[in-house]
Amino acid sequence: MIEPIQPMTLPPSPDIVGESEWLQQALNQWLDEEFLPEPINVDIALRAASVYRRQRMEGENDVGSLLMAILIEMKSFDFSKSFYSEFAIANAVSDLLLQKFLGIAPCCPG
């Protein structure tokens, strides 16, 4: 029988605003380094960090739920001036969170 994936939970935050500011900067840096630095990357990072902040203020600590919230809310963002999509952003956010708060680095084949 296949075992379900265990949820990954972030620790409660003493500074949600600081966390969201860190996420905004880290995501913007990731976006700039992954392809090209573009002005739209600032807006993408700001929007994703805003969703994250609101979700954490509402008590959400589950990384999967945070990923889904960012994915759903970023669907309305205009990505026409970007190489990215809401899926890339949500995945990048979850990787950044897992690495910073749980020490789980994204892995690559090989």
C-alpha atoms as a PDB file:
ATOM      1  CA  MET A   1       0.000   0.000   0.000  1.00  0.00           C
ATOM      2  CA  ILE A   2       1.217   3.501  -0.820  1.00  0.00           C
ATOM      3  CA  GLU A   3       1.926   5.681   2.182  1.00  0.00           C
ATOM      4  CA  PRO A   4       0.523   9.227   2.038  1.00  0.00           C
ATOM      5  CA  ILE A   5       2.983  12.104   2.047  1.00  0.00           C
ATOM      6  CA  GLN A   6       3.286  13.533   5.526  1.00  0.00           C
ATOM      7  CA  PRO A   7       2.438  17.235   5.815  1.00  0.00           C
ATOM      8  CA  MET A   8       5.287  19.681   6.212  1.00  0.00           C
ATOM      9  CA  THR A   9       4.496  22.314   8.790  1.00  0.00           C
ATOM     10  CA  LEU A  10       6.341  25.561   9.370  1.00  0.00           C
ATOM     11  CA  PRO A  11       6.992  26.600  12.942  1.00  0.00           C
ATOM     12  CA  PRO A  12       4.767  29.365  14.319  1.00  0.00           C
ATOM     13  CA  SER A  13       6.159  32.759  13.444  1.00  0.00           C
ATOM     14  CA  PRO A  14       7.035  35.466  15.948  1.00  0.00           C
ATOM     15  CA  ASP A  15       7.488  37.920  13.027  1.00  0.00           C
ATOM     16  CA  ILE A  16       5.169  37.284  10.078  1.00  0.00           C
ATOM     17  CA  VAL A  17       5.869  40.683   8.514  1.00  0.00           C
ATOM     18  CA  GLY A  18       9.628  40.056   8.653  1.00  0.00           C
ATOM     19  CA  GLU A  19       9.140  36.587   7.168  1.00  0.00           C
ATOM     20  CA  SER A  20       7.092  37.945   4.293  1.00  0.00           C
ATOM     21  CA  GLU A  21       9.705  40.648   3.630  1.00  0.00           C
ATOM     22  CA  TRP A  22      12.406  37.963   3.587  1.00  0.00           C
ATOM     23  CA  LEU A  23      10.275  35.883   1.196  1.00  0.00           C
ATOM     24  CA  GLN A  24       9.740  38.850  -1.105  1.00  0.00           C
ATOM     25  CA  GLN A  25      13.493  39.498  -1.313  1.00  0.00           C
ATOM     26  CA  ALA A  26      14.435  35.832  -1.640  1.00  0.00           C
ATOM     27  CA  LEU A  27      11.832  35.166  -4.328  1.00  0.00           C
ATOM     28  CA  ASN A  28      12.814  38.286  -6.273  1.00  0.00           C
ATOM     29  CA  GLN A  29      16.454  37.177  -6.151  1.00  0.00           C
ATOM     30  CA  TRP A  30      15.497  33.662  -7.280  1.00  0.00           C
ATOM     31  CA  LEU A  31      13.436  35.058 -10.173  1.00  0.00           C
ATOM     32  CA  ASP A  32      16.285  37.334 -11.272  1.00  0.00           C
ATOM     33  CA  GLU A  33      18.853  34.537 -11.116  1.00  0.00           C
ATOM     34  CA  GLU A  34      16.745  31.789 -12.683  1.00  0.00           C
ATOM     35  CA  PHE A  35      16.303  33.557 -16.054  1.00  0.00           C
ATOM     36  CA  LEU A  36      16.767  37.303 -16.409  1.00  0.00           C
ATOM     37  CA  PRO A  37      16.280  40.230 -14.068  1.00  0.00           C
ATOM     38  CA  GLU A  38      13.014  41.831 -15.174  1.00  0.00           C
ATOM     39  CA  PRO A  39      10.993  44.665 -13.632  1.00  0.00           C
ATOM     40  CA  ILE A  40       7.937  42.365 -13.405  1.00  0.00           C
ATOM     41  CA  ASN A  41       9.843  40.123 -10.960  1.00  0.00           C
ATOM     42  CA  VAL A  42       9.424  42.769  -8.256  1.00  0.00           C
ATOM     43  CA  ASP A  43       5.633  42.694  -8.708  1.00  0.00           C
ATOM     44  CA  ILE A  44       5.517  38.894  -8.729  1.00  0.00           C
ATOM     45  CA  ALA A  45       7.549  38.647  -5.514  1.00  0.00           C
ATOM     46  CA  LEU A  46       5.467  41.349  -3.839  1.00  0.00           C
ATOM     47  CA  ARG A  47       2.200  39.582  -4.714  1.00  0.00           C
ATOM     48  CA  ALA A  48       3.396  36.146  -3.579  1.00  0.00           C
ATOM     49  CA  ALA A  49       4.748  37.569  -0.303  1.00  0.00           C
ATOM     50  CA  SER A  50       1.446  39.343   0.296  1.00  0.00           C
ATOM     51  CA  VAL A  51      -0.489  36.097  -0.088  1.00  0.00           C
ATOM     52  CA  TYR A  52       1.987  34.333   2.192  1.00  0.00           C
ATOM     53  CA  ARG A  53       1.690  37.051   4.859  1.00  0.00           C
ATOM     54  CA  ARG A  54      -2.095  36.951   4.841  1.00  0.00           C
ATOM     55  CA  GLN A  55      -2.195  33.155   5.029  1.00  0.00           C
ATOM     56  CA  ARG A  56       0.275  33.041   7.925  1.00  0.00           C
ATOM     57  CA  MET A  57      -1.656  35.765   9.777  1.00  0.00           C
ATOM     58  CA  GLU A  58      -4.742  33.586   9.412  1.00  0.00           C
ATOM     59  CA  GLY A  59      -2.853  30.743  11.107  1.00  0.00           C
ATOM     60  CA  GLU A  60      -1.804  28.634   8.116  1.00  0.00           C
ATOM     61  CA  ASN A  61       1.442  26.747   8.737  1.00  0.00           C
ATOM     62  CA  ASP A  62       1.133  23.838   6.302  1.00  0.00           C
ATOM     63  CA  VAL A  63       3.518  24.255   3.351  1.00  0.00           C
ATOM     64  CA  GLY A  64       1.158  22.432   0.970  1.00  0.00           C
ATOM     65  CA  SER A  65      -1.722  24.706   1.890  1.00  0.00           C
ATOM     66  CA  LEU A  66       0.476  27.778   1.514  1.00  0.00           C
ATOM     67  CA  LEU A  67       1.570  26.515  -1.909  1.00  0.00           C
ATOM     68  CA  MET A  68      -2.056  26.037  -2.987  1.00  0.00           C
ATOM     69  CA  ALA A  69      -3.087  29.490  -1.727  1.00  0.00           C
ATOM     70  CA  ILE A  70      -0.267  31.141  -3.662  1.00  0.00           C
ATOM     71  CA  LEU A  71      -1.052  29.083  -6.753  1.00  0.00           C
ATOM     72  CA  ILE A  72      -4.743  29.981  -6.682  1.00  0.00           C
ATOM     73  CA  GLU A  73      -4.225  33.670  -5.978  1.00  0.00           C
ATOM     74  CA  MET A  74      -1.441  34.043  -8.551  1.00  0.00           C
ATOM     75  CA  LYS A  75      -3.749  32.684 -11.283  1.00  0.00           C
ATOM     76  CA  SER A  76      -5.187  36.192 -11.591  1.00  0.00           C
ATOM     77  CA  PHE A  77      -1.731  37.767 -11.991  1.00  0.00           C
ATOM     78  CA  ASP A  78      -0.755  38.894 -15.519  1.00  0.00           C
ATOM     79  CA  PHE A  79       2.333  36.824 -16.375  1.00  0.00           C
ATOM     80  CA  SER A  80       2.440  38.037 -19.997  1.00  0.00           C
ATOM     81  CA  LYS A  81       5.640  40.030 -19.344  1.00  0.00           C
ATOM     82  CA  SER A  82       7.362  37.167 -17.546  1.00  0.00           C
ATOM     83  CA  PHE A  83       8.958  33.803 -18.219  1.00  0.00           C
ATOM     84  CA  TYR A  84       7.116  32.418 -15.198  1.00  0.00           C
ATOM     85  CA  SER A  85       3.656  31.109 -14.326  1.00  0.00           C
ATOM     86  CA  GLU A  86       1.731  30.710 -11.100  1.00  0.00           C
ATOM     87  CA  PHE A  87       2.992  27.109 -10.874  1.00  0.00           C
ATOM     88  CA  ALA A  88       6.651  28.129 -11.021  1.00  0.00           C
ATOM     89  CA  ILE A  89       6.076  30.809  -8.389  1.00  0.00           C
ATOM     90  CA  ALA A  90       4.220  28.540  -5.961  1.00  0.00           C
ATOM     91  CA  ASN A  91       6.886  25.846  -6.330  1.00  0.00           C
ATOM     92  CA  ALA A  92       9.709  28.351  -5.844  1.00  0.00           C
ATOM     93  CA  VAL A  93       8.051  29.724  -2.703  1.00  0.00           C
ATOM     94  CA  SER A  94       7.638  26.247  -1.238  1.00  0.00           C
ATOM     95  CA  ASP A  95      11.309  25.427  -1.995  1.00  0.00           C
ATOM     96  CA  LEU A  96      12.451  28.657  -0.331  1.00  0.00           C
ATOM     97  CA  LEU A  97      10.291  28.008   2.731  1.00  0.00           C
ATOM     98  CA  LEU A  98      11.390  24.385   3.091  1.00  0.00           C
ATOM     99  CA  GLN A  99      15.020  25.373   2.818  1.00  0.00           C
ATOM    100  CA  LYS A 100      14.866  28.292   5.268  1.00  0.00           C
ATOM    101  CA  PHE A 101      12.557  26.933   7.954  1.00  0.00           C
ATOM    102  CA  LEU A 102      12.953  23.164   7.758  1.00  0.00           C
ATOM    103  CA  GLY A 103      16.462  22.816   6.322  1.00  0.00           C
ATOM    104  CA  ILE A 104      15.239  20.824   3.336  1.00  0.00           C
ATOM    105  CA  ALA A 105      17.162  21.840   0.223  1.00  0.00           C
ATOM    106  CA  PRO A 106      15.614  21.376  -3.207  1.00  0.00           C
ATOM    107  CA  CYS A 107      17.210  18.415  -4.885  1.00  0.00           C
ATOM    108  CA  CYS A 108      18.117  17.915  -8.473  1.00  0.00           C
ATOM    109  CA  PRO A 109      18.539  14.679 -10.431  1.00  0.00           C
ATOM    110  CA  GLY A 110      22.115  13.515 -10.601  1.00  0.00           C
END
